């Protein structure tokens, strides 16, 4: 079993909204932590930790978590892996990434079909910069999303309701507003994420989950899609699984290509035809253990 030194902030480990980025460390591997909130963050402190733990790899993720405190890792000889998440915020050619031996990202291509500027979020200059930065990641290897084994501990519960799960009150662009209006007409429940166990229980008791992929920077494949599929509910989405590199999941989702198309399918689809169909493939290919075993064995 590989020994992984995870450099991060201690505050991130208890954040339910970041469980997709950090939760895997509790399930797989011999992992220890170093970083802000755990100890002092000097380079010598890191070297002392490496001498005592003797890790096979150093792992970091989400560049914005390391502002102002991460020492330069260039002189550290342990193989260093970084996974970037919100690629629209960073240029892949930033010298900061040169200190790592391998760089991966969660989304290499943003299909910019529904790009819209929203003045409540940023200036037009900032908007254009994010689009430009997102495009610099096109040739970066993708680390696909994975899910916790907790989804498979209990058998699926009795299912009811159409649900939209996530934050739905932030400033939205026009397409998302129309989508929200349609979902309300379809008697969809809007639910916020709160606590991993409650979240999993909620998903596993749902008949149909709606997973839109639009952001202000174009279409993408959200991490929630994999959790939704693992729950065994029917999943409606307009994401481009082929571009993301997971075309095998196409037969497990109900694809819509417009708001009107989604409205029709919500009304006429037999949700029970999709119940529990994706559980087997999610368990075999998309749990944290498999994803990070591949990562640290260098098979991606």
Protein backbone atom coordinates (compact mmCIF):
# COMPACT_ATOMS: atom_id res chain seq x y z
CA UNK A 1 0.00 0.00 0.00
CA UNK A 2 1.36 3.41 -1.02
CA UNK A 3 2.04 6.08 1.58
CA UNK A 4 0.50 9.42 0.61
CA UNK A 5 1.32 12.75 2.21
CA UNK A 6 -1.68 14.97 1.55
CA UNK A 7 -0.77 18.66 1.78
CA UNK A 8 -3.89 20.70 2.55
CA UNK A 9 -5.59 22.96 5.07
CA UNK A 10 -7.06 21.23 8.11
CA UNK A 11 -10.28 23.23 7.69
CA UNK A 12 -10.96 21.53 4.35
CA UNK A 13 -11.20 18.03 5.82
CA UNK A 14 -14.35 18.80 7.77
CA UNK A 15 -16.10 20.60 4.91
CA UNK A 16 -18.98 18.51 3.53
CA UNK A 17 -19.00 20.51 0.29
CA UNK A 18 -15.39 19.45 -0.34
CA UNK A 19 -15.91 15.73 0.35
CA UNK A 20 -15.40 14.90 -3.33
CA UNK A 21 -11.92 16.40 -3.12
CA UNK A 22 -10.87 15.16 0.31
CA UNK A 23 -13.22 12.36 1.38
CA UNK A 24 -11.29 9.65 -0.44
CA UNK A 25 -8.40 9.97 2.04
CA UNK A 26 -10.56 8.37 4.75
CA UNK A 27 -11.28 5.31 2.61
CA UNK A 28 -8.13 4.36 0.81
CA UNK A 29 -4.39 4.29 1.29
CA UNK A 30 -1.96 5.04 4.08
CA UNK A 31 -2.51 8.80 4.25
CA UNK A 32 -1.12 11.47 6.56
CA UNK A 33 -1.66 15.22 6.41
CA UNK A 34 0.60 18.26 6.52
CA UNK A 35 -0.26 21.90 5.99
CA UNK A 36 -1.98 24.97 7.41
CA UNK A 37 -3.79 24.15 10.62
CA UNK A 38 -1.86 20.94 11.23
CA UNK A 39 1.57 22.42 11.99
CA UNK A 40 3.81 25.31 11.00
CA UNK A 41 4.19 25.47 7.23
CA UNK A 42 7.89 26.10 6.78
CA UNK A 43 9.88 24.09 4.24
CA UNK A 44 11.90 22.57 7.08
CA UNK A 45 8.71 21.45 8.81
CA UNK A 46 7.67 19.69 5.60
CA UNK A 47 11.07 18.02 5.27
CA UNK A 48 10.80 16.80 8.86
CA UNK A 49 7.40 15.32 8.10
CA UNK A 50 8.79 13.58 5.01
CA UNK A 51 11.71 12.17 7.00
CA UNK A 52 9.40 10.71 9.65
CA UNK A 53 6.56 9.46 7.39
CA UNK A 54 8.62 8.55 4.28
CA UNK A 55 5.76 8.99 1.78
CA UNK A 56 5.74 7.46 -1.70
CA UNK A 57 3.81 10.46 -3.07
CA UNK A 58 2.85 14.00 -2.16
CA UNK A 59 -0.67 14.98 -3.22
CA UNK A 60 -2.30 18.42 -3.52
CA UNK A 61 -5.53 19.63 -5.09
CA UNK A 62 -7.29 22.97 -5.69
CA UNK A 63 -4.62 25.65 -6.10
CA UNK A 64 -6.65 28.29 -4.27
CA UNK A 65 -6.21 26.34 -1.00
CA UNK A 66 -2.45 27.02 -0.94
CA UNK A 67 -2.28 30.79 -1.25
CA UNK A 68 0.36 32.51 0.89
CA UNK A 69 1.49 29.49 2.92
CA UNK A 70 2.69 26.60 0.72
CA UNK A 71 6.51 26.58 0.50
CA UNK A 72 8.22 25.98 -2.84
CA UNK A 73 8.27 22.19 -3.36
CA UNK A 74 10.87 22.21 -6.14
CA UNK A 75 13.64 20.77 -3.97
CA UNK A 76 11.44 17.99 -2.57
CA UNK A 77 12.42 14.71 -4.23
CA UNK A 78 9.24 12.75 -3.39
CA UNK A 79 6.99 12.48 -6.51
CA UNK A 80 4.46 15.32 -6.35
CA UNK A 81 0.98 15.17 -7.92
CA UNK A 82 -1.45 18.06 -8.21
CA UNK A 83 -5.08 17.87 -9.40
CA UNK A 84 -6.71 21.13 -10.47
CA UNK A 85 -10.47 21.51 -10.16
CA UNK A 86 -11.78 24.92 -11.26
CA UNK A 87 -9.66 25.31 -14.37
CA UNK A 88 -11.38 28.52 -15.44
CA UNK A 89 -9.60 30.29 -12.57
CA UNK A 90 -6.04 29.36 -13.54
CA UNK A 91 -3.77 29.25 -16.56
CA UNK A 92 -2.25 25.78 -16.98
CA UNK A 93 1.03 27.46 -17.95
CA UNK A 94 1.35 29.23 -14.59
CA UNK A 95 4.92 28.64 -13.27
CA UNK A 96 3.37 27.57 -9.94
CA UNK A 97 2.54 24.18 -11.47
CA UNK A 98 6.18 23.55 -12.45
CA UNK A 99 7.00 22.37 -8.93
CA UNK A 100 4.91 19.21 -9.47
CA UNK A 101 5.94 16.03 -11.30
CA UNK A 102 2.44 15.34 -12.62
CA UNK A 103 -0.54 17.63 -13.20
CA UNK A 104 -4.11 16.42 -13.73
CA UNK A 105 -7.40 18.27 -13.90
CA UNK A 106 -11.05 17.44 -13.32
CA UNK A 107 -12.28 19.09 -16.51
CA UNK A 108 -9.93 19.49 -19.47
CA UNK A 109 -12.52 20.74 -21.95
CA UNK A 110 -15.37 23.17 -21.26
CA UNK A 111 -17.88 22.80 -24.10
CA UNK A 112 -18.78 26.43 -24.50
CA UNK A 113 -22.33 26.01 -25.85
CA UNK A 114 -24.22 28.02 -23.26
CA UNK A 115 -21.73 30.70 -22.34
CA UNK A 116 -23.41 33.82 -20.98
CA UNK A 117 -22.02 36.81 -19.18
CA UNK A 118 -23.54 37.59 -15.77
CA UNK A 119 -22.72 41.05 -14.41
CA UNK A 120 -23.66 39.96 -10.88
CA UNK A 121 -20.71 37.55 -10.85
CA UNK A 122 -17.91 39.55 -12.49
CA UNK A 123 -16.86 42.15 -15.03
CA UNK A 124 -16.71 41.32 -18.73
CA UNK A 125 -12.93 41.48 -18.54
CA UNK A 126 -12.87 38.86 -15.77
CA UNK A 127 -15.34 36.71 -17.67
CA UNK A 128 -13.22 36.70 -20.84
CA UNK A 129 -10.10 35.90 -18.82
CA UNK A 130 -11.74 32.83 -17.27
CA UNK A 131 -12.74 31.52 -20.69
CA UNK A 132 -9.19 32.03 -21.92
CA UNK A 133 -7.72 30.27 -18.89
CA UNK A 134 -10.08 27.29 -19.18
CA UNK A 135 -8.86 26.70 -22.73
CA UNK A 136 -5.23 26.24 -21.57
CA UNK A 137 -6.12 22.87 -19.95
CA UNK A 138 -7.26 21.07 -23.10
CA UNK A 139 -4.18 18.80 -23.27
CA UNK A 140 -4.02 18.04 -19.52
CA UNK A 141 -4.88 14.45 -18.42
CA UNK A 142 -8.27 14.20 -16.70
CA UNK A 143 -8.78 12.59 -13.30
CA UNK A 144 -12.40 11.46 -13.48
CA UNK A 145 -14.68 11.98 -10.52
CA UNK A 146 -15.21 9.14 -8.07
CA UNK A 147 -17.64 8.39 -5.24
CA UNK A 148 -17.60 7.03 -1.72
CA UNK A 149 -18.33 3.37 -0.96
CA UNK A 150 -20.94 4.58 1.53
CA UNK A 151 -23.44 4.62 -1.32
CA UNK A 152 -23.38 0.83 -1.37
CA UNK A 153 -23.62 0.07 2.36
CA UNK A 154 -27.43 0.11 2.49
CA UNK A 155 -29.91 -1.32 -0.05
CA UNK A 156 -31.83 1.28 -2.10
CA UNK A 157 -34.77 2.80 -0.23
CA UNK A 158 -38.34 3.30 -1.42
CA UNK A 159 -38.18 6.07 -4.00
CA UNK A 160 -40.28 9.19 -4.51
CA UNK A 161 -39.98 12.79 -5.74
CA UNK A 162 -38.11 14.56 -8.51
CA UNK A 163 -35.26 16.49 -6.94
CA UNK A 164 -32.69 19.12 -7.77
CA UNK A 165 -29.87 18.87 -5.23
CA UNK A 166 -27.37 21.69 -4.73
CA UNK A 167 -27.10 25.45 -4.38
CA UNK A 168 -29.81 27.07 -6.47
CA UNK A 169 -29.94 30.63 -5.05
CA UNK A 170 -26.70 32.13 -6.39
CA UNK A 171 -26.83 34.65 -9.25
CA UNK A 172 -27.95 32.68 -12.29
CA UNK A 173 -27.86 33.22 -16.02
CA UNK A 174 -30.95 33.04 -18.23
CA UNK A 175 -30.89 29.33 -19.13
CA UNK A 176 -30.63 28.27 -15.48
CA UNK A 177 -33.50 30.58 -14.50
CA UNK A 178 -35.72 29.02 -17.17
CA UNK A 179 -34.68 25.56 -16.01
CA UNK A 180 -35.55 26.37 -12.41
CA UNK A 181 -38.95 27.67 -13.48
CA UNK A 182 -39.66 24.45 -15.39
CA UNK A 183 -38.62 22.28 -12.45
CA UNK A 184 -40.97 24.16 -10.15
CA UNK A 185 -43.80 23.57 -12.64
CA UNK A 186 -42.88 19.87 -12.57
CA UNK A 187 -43.20 19.83 -8.75
CA UNK A 188 -39.48 19.26 -8.32
CA UNK A 189 -38.05 19.53 -4.79
CA UNK A 190 -35.04 21.84 -4.36
CA UNK A 191 -32.67 20.48 -1.71
CA UNK A 192 -29.36 21.74 -0.32
CA UNK A 193 -26.47 19.40 0.51
CA UNK A 194 -26.00 18.95 4.27
CA UNK A 195 -23.89 16.15 5.78
CA UNK A 196 -22.62 13.23 3.72
CA UNK A 197 -24.80 10.53 5.34
CA UNK A 198 -28.02 12.56 5.06
CA UNK A 199 -27.07 13.47 1.52
CA UNK A 200 -26.59 9.84 0.47
CA UNK A 201 -29.84 8.80 2.16
CA UNK A 202 -31.68 11.59 0.35
CA UNK A 203 -30.31 10.60 -3.06
CA UNK A 204 -31.04 6.91 -2.53
CA UNK A 205 -34.70 7.66 -1.73
CA UNK A 206 -35.26 9.84 -4.80
CA UNK A 207 -37.10 8.75 -7.95
CA UNK A 208 -35.45 11.17 -10.37
CA UNK A 209 -32.55 13.61 -10.04
CA UNK A 210 -31.94 16.52 -12.41
CA UNK A 211 -28.28 17.30 -13.06
CA UNK A 212 -27.85 20.32 -15.36
CA UNK A 213 -24.32 21.00 -16.54
CA UNK A 214 -24.35 24.64 -17.58
CA UNK A 215 -22.09 27.14 -15.89
CA UNK A 216 -21.32 30.69 -16.92
CA UNK A 217 -18.21 29.29 -18.64
CA UNK A 218 -19.84 26.58 -20.75
CA UNK A 219 -21.02 22.99 -20.41
CA UNK A 220 -19.10 20.64 -18.15
CA UNK A 221 -19.58 17.33 -16.28
CA UNK A 222 -20.26 18.00 -12.58
CA UNK A 223 -19.09 15.69 -9.82
CA UNK A 224 -22.68 15.31 -8.62
CA UNK A 225 -23.53 13.30 -11.74
CA UNK A 226 -21.46 10.38 -10.46
CA UNK A 227 -23.06 10.53 -7.03
CA UNK A 228 -26.52 10.66 -8.60
CA UNK A 229 -25.81 7.57 -10.70
CA UNK A 230 -24.43 5.71 -7.68
CA UNK A 231 -27.70 6.37 -5.81
CA UNK A 232 -29.67 4.28 -8.31
CA UNK A 233 -32.16 7.05 -9.10
CA UNK A 234 -33.18 7.99 -12.64
CA UNK A 235 -30.84 10.82 -13.70
CA UNK A 236 -31.69 13.57 -16.20
CA UNK A 237 -28.73 15.50 -17.58
CA UNK A 238 -27.54 17.34 -20.66
CA UNK A 239 -23.83 16.68 -20.07
CA UNK A 240 -21.45 15.54 -22.80
CA UNK A 241 -20.14 12.23 -21.46
CA UNK A 242 -18.28 11.42 -24.67
CA UNK A 243 -16.14 14.56 -24.52
CA UNK A 244 -15.49 13.96 -20.83
CA UNK A 245 -14.19 10.48 -21.66
CA UNK A 246 -16.93 8.38 -20.03
CA UNK A 247 -19.17 7.33 -22.97
CA UNK A 248 -19.99 4.03 -21.24
CA UNK A 249 -22.28 5.94 -18.85
CA UNK A 250 -24.52 7.20 -21.66
CA UNK A 251 -26.96 4.29 -21.41
CA UNK A 252 -27.56 4.95 -17.71
CA UNK A 253 -28.69 8.56 -18.01
CA UNK A 254 -31.74 10.25 -19.56
CA UNK A 255 -30.27 12.85 -21.90
CA UNK A 256 -32.11 16.09 -22.66
CA UNK A 257 -30.99 18.75 -25.12
CA UNK A 258 -33.31 21.66 -24.31
CA UNK A 259 -35.66 22.84 -21.61
CA UNK A 260 -38.68 21.81 -23.65
CA UNK A 261 -37.13 18.40 -24.22
CA UNK A 262 -36.54 18.00 -20.47
CA UNK A 263 -40.13 19.04 -19.75
CA UNK A 264 -41.42 16.35 -22.12
CA UNK A 265 -39.14 13.63 -20.74
CA UNK A 266 -39.93 14.41 -17.10
CA UNK A 267 -43.60 13.94 -17.92
CA UNK A 268 -43.35 10.83 -20.11
CA UNK A 269 -40.38 8.82 -18.77
CA UNK A 270 -40.95 5.74 -16.61
CA UNK A 271 -38.39 6.37 -13.89
CA UNK A 272 -38.50 2.78 -12.66
CA UNK A 273 -36.79 1.62 -15.87
CA UNK A 274 -33.62 3.33 -14.61
CA UNK A 275 -33.71 2.38 -10.95
CA UNK A 276 -30.42 0.86 -9.74
CA UNK A 277 -29.15 0.30 -13.31
CA UNK A 278 -25.91 2.27 -12.86
CA UNK A 279 -24.98 0.93 -9.42
CA UNK A 280 -22.92 -2.00 -10.73
CA UNK A 281 -20.73 0.07 -13.06
CA UNK A 282 -20.28 2.81 -10.47
CA UNK A 283 -19.13 0.26 -7.92
CA UNK A 284 -16.76 -1.40 -10.41
CA UNK A 285 -15.20 1.70 -12.01
CA UNK A 286 -15.92 4.90 -10.11
CA UNK A 287 -15.28 4.43 -6.38
CA UNK A 288 -12.49 6.41 -4.70
CA UNK A 289 -10.35 3.32 -4.17
CA UNK A 290 -10.12 2.54 -7.89
CA UNK A 291 -9.57 6.13 -8.99
CA UNK A 292 -6.72 6.83 -6.61
CA UNK A 293 -5.15 3.41 -6.95
CA UNK A 294 -4.86 4.20 -10.65
CA UNK A 295 -3.51 7.66 -9.89
CA UNK A 296 -0.73 6.61 -7.55
CA UNK A 297 0.23 3.57 -9.59
CA UNK A 298 0.64 5.83 -12.59
CA UNK A 299 -1.90 4.10 -14.85
CA UNK A 300 -3.90 7.16 -15.87
